[in-house]
Structures are given as C-alpha cells and as structure tokens.
Amino acid sequence: MVYNTVVTDKKTRKKRSKLWLLTKEDFSEMVKTSKTYTEILAKLGLPPKGGSFARLKERIVSDNINDDHIRNVPNTRWEHQ
C-alpha cells in the first residue's frame, strides 16, 4: 500500500486516510461528479464530521482541484424558526 507523506515541522508523517490513498485523477473525478462535500465523504465511506471535511478540503487544495460547482449547504437542523 502506498501512503502519501507530509512534512510537519520536524516530523514526517504518513497520511493514511482513504482520502490520500486515491490517485489524483481518481480523486479529481470523484470531486467533479459530486454535488456536495458530504457526497464525496460518503463515496469514501468517511463520516461527515468536522475533521473529515477539513481533510477533504485539504486534499482538494493540495491537488489544486476546482470545487466551485460544489454547493456549500449550511446545516439548518439547529436554526430556530
């Protein structure tokens, strides 16, 4: 299994998330065919939680993938009416 590595300060860590195991081409196609960030996470089998969204956006920026078509839908579950 091939892992991407990242250098942080003085340590080198392997990125083991499913997000980093995909090739750039496969990941780019997944982003291109998805309408929301949650949909991308679901395709990868990752939970739709804060850390997952942060890593997802980190990978999108790292690979310089256009995500302008993705809707940024706010969570309205907690809004008062």
N, C-alpha and C. Protein backbone atom coordinates (compact mmCIF):
# COMPACT_ATOMS: atom_id res chain seq x y z
N MET A 1 0.85 -1.17 0.00
CA MET A 1 0.00 0.00 0.00
C MET A 1 0.90 1.24 0.00
N VAL A 2 0.56 2.22 -0.81
CA VAL A 2 1.35 3.43 -0.92
C VAL A 2 0.68 4.53 -0.13
N TYR A 3 1.47 5.19 0.72
CA TYR A 3 0.95 6.30 1.51
C TYR A 3 1.61 7.59 1.05
N ASN A 4 0.85 8.69 1.06
CA ASN A 4 1.44 9.99 0.83
C ASN A 4 2.08 10.43 2.13
N THR A 5 3.11 11.23 2.05
CA THR A 5 3.75 11.72 3.27
C THR A 5 3.65 13.23 3.33
N VAL A 6 3.68 13.74 4.52
CA VAL A 6 3.63 15.18 4.73
C VAL A 6 4.69 15.53 5.77
N VAL A 7 5.38 16.63 5.53
CA VAL A 7 6.39 17.08 6.48
C VAL A 7 5.76 18.17 7.31
N THR A 8 5.72 17.97 8.61
CA THR A 8 5.19 18.96 9.54
C THR A 8 6.28 19.27 10.55
N ASP A 9 6.71 20.51 10.58
CA ASP A 9 7.79 20.96 11.45
C ASP A 9 9.00 20.05 11.30
N LYS A 10 9.25 19.18 12.27
CA LYS A 10 10.44 18.35 12.25
C LYS A 10 10.13 16.88 12.03
N LYS A 11 8.85 16.54 11.83
CA LYS A 11 8.47 15.15 11.66
C LYS A 11 7.90 14.91 10.27
N THR A 12 8.03 13.71 9.80
CA THR A 12 7.39 13.29 8.57
C THR A 12 6.34 12.26 8.95
N ARG A 13 5.09 12.53 8.56
CA ARG A 13 4.00 11.62 8.89
C ARG A 13 3.39 11.08 7.62
N LYS A 14 2.94 9.84 7.69
CA LYS A 14 2.24 9.23 6.56
C LYS A 14 0.76 9.55 6.68
N LYS A 15 0.18 9.93 5.55
CA LYS A 15 -1.26 10.19 5.52
C LYS A 15 -1.94 8.88 5.18
N ARG A 16 -2.74 8.37 6.09
CA ARG A 16 -3.34 7.05 5.93
C ARG A 16 -4.83 7.08 5.64
N SER A 17 -5.41 8.26 5.61
CA SER A 17 -6.83 8.37 5.34
C SER A 17 -7.14 7.87 3.94
N LYS A 18 -8.37 7.39 3.75
CA LYS A 18 -8.82 6.95 2.43
C LYS A 18 -8.71 8.09 1.42
N LEU A 19 -8.79 9.32 1.91
CA LEU A 19 -8.67 10.48 1.03
C LEU A 19 -7.34 10.51 0.29
N TRP A 20 -6.29 10.08 0.95
CA TRP A 20 -4.94 10.17 0.39
C TRP A 20 -4.52 8.90 -0.35
N LEU A 21 -5.32 7.85 -0.29
CA LEU A 21 -4.97 6.61 -0.98
C LEU A 21 -5.37 6.63 -2.45
N LEU A 22 -6.29 7.51 -2.81
CA LEU A 22 -6.72 7.63 -4.20
C LEU A 22 -5.68 8.38 -5.03
N THR A 23 -5.59 8.03 -6.30
CA THR A 23 -4.73 8.80 -7.18
C THR A 23 -5.37 10.17 -7.41
N LYS A 24 -4.56 11.11 -7.87
CA LYS A 24 -5.08 12.46 -8.11
C LYS A 24 -6.19 12.42 -9.16
N GLU A 25 -6.03 11.60 -10.18
CA GLU A 25 -7.02 11.51 -11.25
C GLU A 25 -8.34 10.94 -10.73
N ASP A 26 -8.27 9.87 -9.93
CA ASP A 26 -9.49 9.27 -9.38
C ASP A 26 -10.19 10.23 -8.42
N PHE A 27 -9.40 10.90 -7.59
CA PHE A 27 -9.98 11.83 -6.63
C PHE A 27 -10.60 13.02 -7.36
N SER A 28 -9.92 13.53 -8.38
CA SER A 28 -10.44 14.65 -9.15
C SER A 28 -11.77 14.29 -9.81
N GLU A 29 -11.87 13.09 -10.35
CA GLU A 29 -13.11 12.64 -10.98
C GLU A 29 -14.23 12.52 -9.94
N MET A 30 -13.89 12.05 -8.74
CA MET A 30 -14.89 11.92 -7.68
C MET A 30 -15.42 13.30 -7.29
N VAL A 31 -14.53 14.27 -7.17
CA VAL A 31 -14.96 15.64 -6.83
C VAL A 31 -15.82 16.20 -7.96
N LYS A 32 -15.41 15.97 -9.19
CA LYS A 32 -16.12 16.51 -10.35
C LYS A 32 -17.54 15.97 -10.46
N THR A 33 -17.75 14.72 -10.05
CA THR A 33 -19.07 14.10 -10.19
C THR A 33 -19.95 14.22 -8.95
N SER A 34 -19.46 14.90 -7.93
CA SER A 34 -20.22 15.06 -6.68
C SER A 34 -20.79 16.47 -6.58
N LYS A 35 -21.93 16.58 -5.89
CA LYS A 35 -22.59 17.87 -5.73
C LYS A 35 -22.32 18.51 -4.38
N THR A 36 -21.95 17.69 -3.39
CA THR A 36 -21.67 18.21 -2.05
C THR A 36 -20.43 17.53 -1.47
N TYR A 37 -19.85 18.16 -0.47
CA TYR A 37 -18.71 17.56 0.23
C TYR A 37 -19.15 16.29 0.95
N THR A 38 -20.36 16.30 1.49
CA THR A 38 -20.88 15.13 2.18
C THR A 38 -20.99 13.94 1.23
N GLU A 39 -21.36 14.19 -0.01
CA GLU A 39 -21.44 13.12 -1.00
C GLU A 39 -20.07 12.50 -1.27
N ILE A 40 -19.04 13.33 -1.33
CA ILE A 40 -17.67 12.82 -1.52
C ILE A 40 -17.26 11.94 -0.35
N LEU A 41 -17.53 12.42 0.87
CA LEU A 41 -17.18 11.64 2.06
C LEU A 41 -17.93 10.32 2.07
N ALA A 42 -19.20 10.33 1.67
CA ALA A 42 -20.00 9.10 1.65
C ALA A 42 -19.41 8.10 0.66
N LYS A 43 -18.98 8.58 -0.51
CA LYS A 43 -18.38 7.69 -1.50
C LYS A 43 -17.11 7.03 -0.97
N LEU A 44 -16.42 7.74 -0.08
CA LEU A 44 -15.19 7.21 0.51
C LEU A 44 -15.45 6.39 1.77
N GLY A 45 -16.69 6.43 2.27
CA GLY A 45 -17.02 5.71 3.49
C GLY A 45 -16.53 6.41 4.74
N LEU A 46 -16.38 7.73 4.67
CA LEU A 46 -15.92 8.51 5.82
C LEU A 46 -17.10 9.23 6.47
N PRO A 47 -17.04 9.43 7.78
CA PRO A 47 -18.14 10.11 8.47
C PRO A 47 -18.18 11.60 8.14
N PRO A 48 -19.38 12.18 8.03
CA PRO A 48 -19.49 13.61 7.73
C PRO A 48 -19.29 14.45 8.99
N LYS A 49 -18.07 14.49 9.48
CA LYS A 49 -17.74 15.24 10.70
C LYS A 49 -16.68 16.28 10.38
N GLY A 50 -16.44 17.18 11.29
CA GLY A 50 -15.53 18.30 11.09
C GLY A 50 -14.15 17.93 10.59
N GLY A 51 -13.54 16.93 11.20
CA GLY A 51 -12.20 16.53 10.79
C GLY A 51 -12.16 15.97 9.38
N SER A 52 -13.20 15.25 9.01
CA SER A 52 -13.27 14.68 7.66
C SER A 52 -13.40 15.79 6.62
N PHE A 53 -14.22 16.80 6.92
CA PHE A 53 -14.37 17.93 6.00
C PHE A 53 -13.05 18.69 5.86
N ALA A 54 -12.37 18.87 6.98
CA ALA A 54 -11.08 19.59 6.96
C ALA A 54 -10.06 18.84 6.10
N ARG A 55 -9.97 17.52 6.26
CA ARG A 55 -9.02 16.73 5.46
C ARG A 55 -9.42 16.72 3.99
N LEU A 56 -10.73 16.66 3.73
CA LEU A 56 -11.22 16.67 2.35
C LEU A 56 -10.82 17.97 1.65
N LYS A 57 -11.07 19.09 2.31
CA LYS A 57 -10.73 20.38 1.72
C LYS A 57 -9.21 20.53 1.59
N GLU A 58 -8.46 19.98 2.53
CA GLU A 58 -7.00 20.00 2.46
C GLU A 58 -6.52 19.26 1.21
N ARG A 59 -7.12 18.11 0.92
CA ARG A 59 -6.73 17.33 -0.26
C ARG A 59 -7.12 18.06 -1.54
N ILE A 60 -8.28 18.69 -1.57
CA ILE A 60 -8.73 19.43 -2.74
C ILE A 60 -7.76 20.58 -3.04
N VAL A 61 -7.36 21.30 -2.02
CA VAL A 61 -6.41 22.40 -2.19
C VAL A 61 -5.03 21.87 -2.59
N SER A 62 -4.61 20.79 -1.95
CA SER A 62 -3.30 20.20 -2.22
C SER A 62 -3.16 19.77 -3.67
N ASP A 63 -4.22 19.20 -4.23
CA ASP A 63 -4.19 18.72 -5.62
C ASP A 63 -4.66 19.78 -6.61
N ASN A 64 -4.99 20.96 -6.10
CA ASN A 64 -5.42 22.08 -6.95
C ASN A 64 -6.62 21.68 -7.83
N ILE A 65 -7.64 21.12 -7.17
CA ILE A 65 -8.85 20.66 -7.86
C ILE A 65 -9.93 21.73 -7.73
N ASN A 66 -10.60 22.02 -8.83
CA ASN A 66 -11.66 23.02 -8.85
C ASN A 66 -12.91 22.43 -8.18
N ASP A 67 -13.39 23.10 -7.14
CA ASP A 67 -14.60 22.65 -6.45
C ASP A 67 -15.69 23.72 -6.44
N ASP A 68 -15.63 24.63 -7.41
CA ASP A 68 -16.61 25.72 -7.48
C ASP A 68 -18.04 25.23 -7.68
N HIS A 69 -18.21 24.06 -8.27
CA HIS A 69 -19.55 23.53 -8.54
C HIS A 69 -20.20 22.91 -7.30
N ILE A 70 -19.44 22.69 -6.26
CA ILE A 70 -19.98 22.04 -5.06
C ILE A 70 -20.75 23.05 -4.23
N ARG A 71 -21.98 22.64 -3.89
CA ARG A 71 -22.82 23.51 -3.08
C ARG A 71 -22.35 23.47 -1.63
N ASN A 72 -22.28 24.62 -1.03
CA ASN A 72 -21.93 24.69 0.38
C ASN A 72 -23.23 24.92 1.15
N VAL A 73 -23.92 23.82 1.43
CA VAL A 73 -25.23 23.89 2.08
C VAL A 73 -25.04 23.93 3.59
N PRO A 74 -25.53 24.99 4.24
CA PRO A 74 -25.40 25.06 5.70
C PRO A 74 -26.30 24.04 6.39
N ASN A 75 -25.88 23.64 7.55
CA ASN A 75 -26.68 22.71 8.34
C ASN A 75 -27.79 23.51 9.03
N THR A 76 -29.01 23.34 8.55
CA THR A 76 -30.13 24.13 9.08
C THR A 76 -30.85 23.41 10.22
N ARG A 77 -30.35 22.27 10.62
CA ARG A 77 -31.02 21.48 11.66
C ARG A 77 -31.08 22.25 12.97
N TRP A 78 -30.08 23.09 13.26
CA TRP A 78 -30.03 23.76 14.55
C TRP A 78 -30.58 25.18 14.52
N GLU A 79 -31.01 25.65 13.36
CA GLU A 79 -31.54 27.01 13.28
C GLU A 79 -32.95 27.07 13.86
N HIS A 80 -33.20 28.14 14.54
CA HIS A 80 -34.56 28.35 15.11
C HIS A 80 -35.43 29.01 14.06
N GLN A 81 -36.70 28.68 14.10
CA GLN A 81 -37.61 29.27 13.11
C GLN A 81 -38.39 30.41 13.69
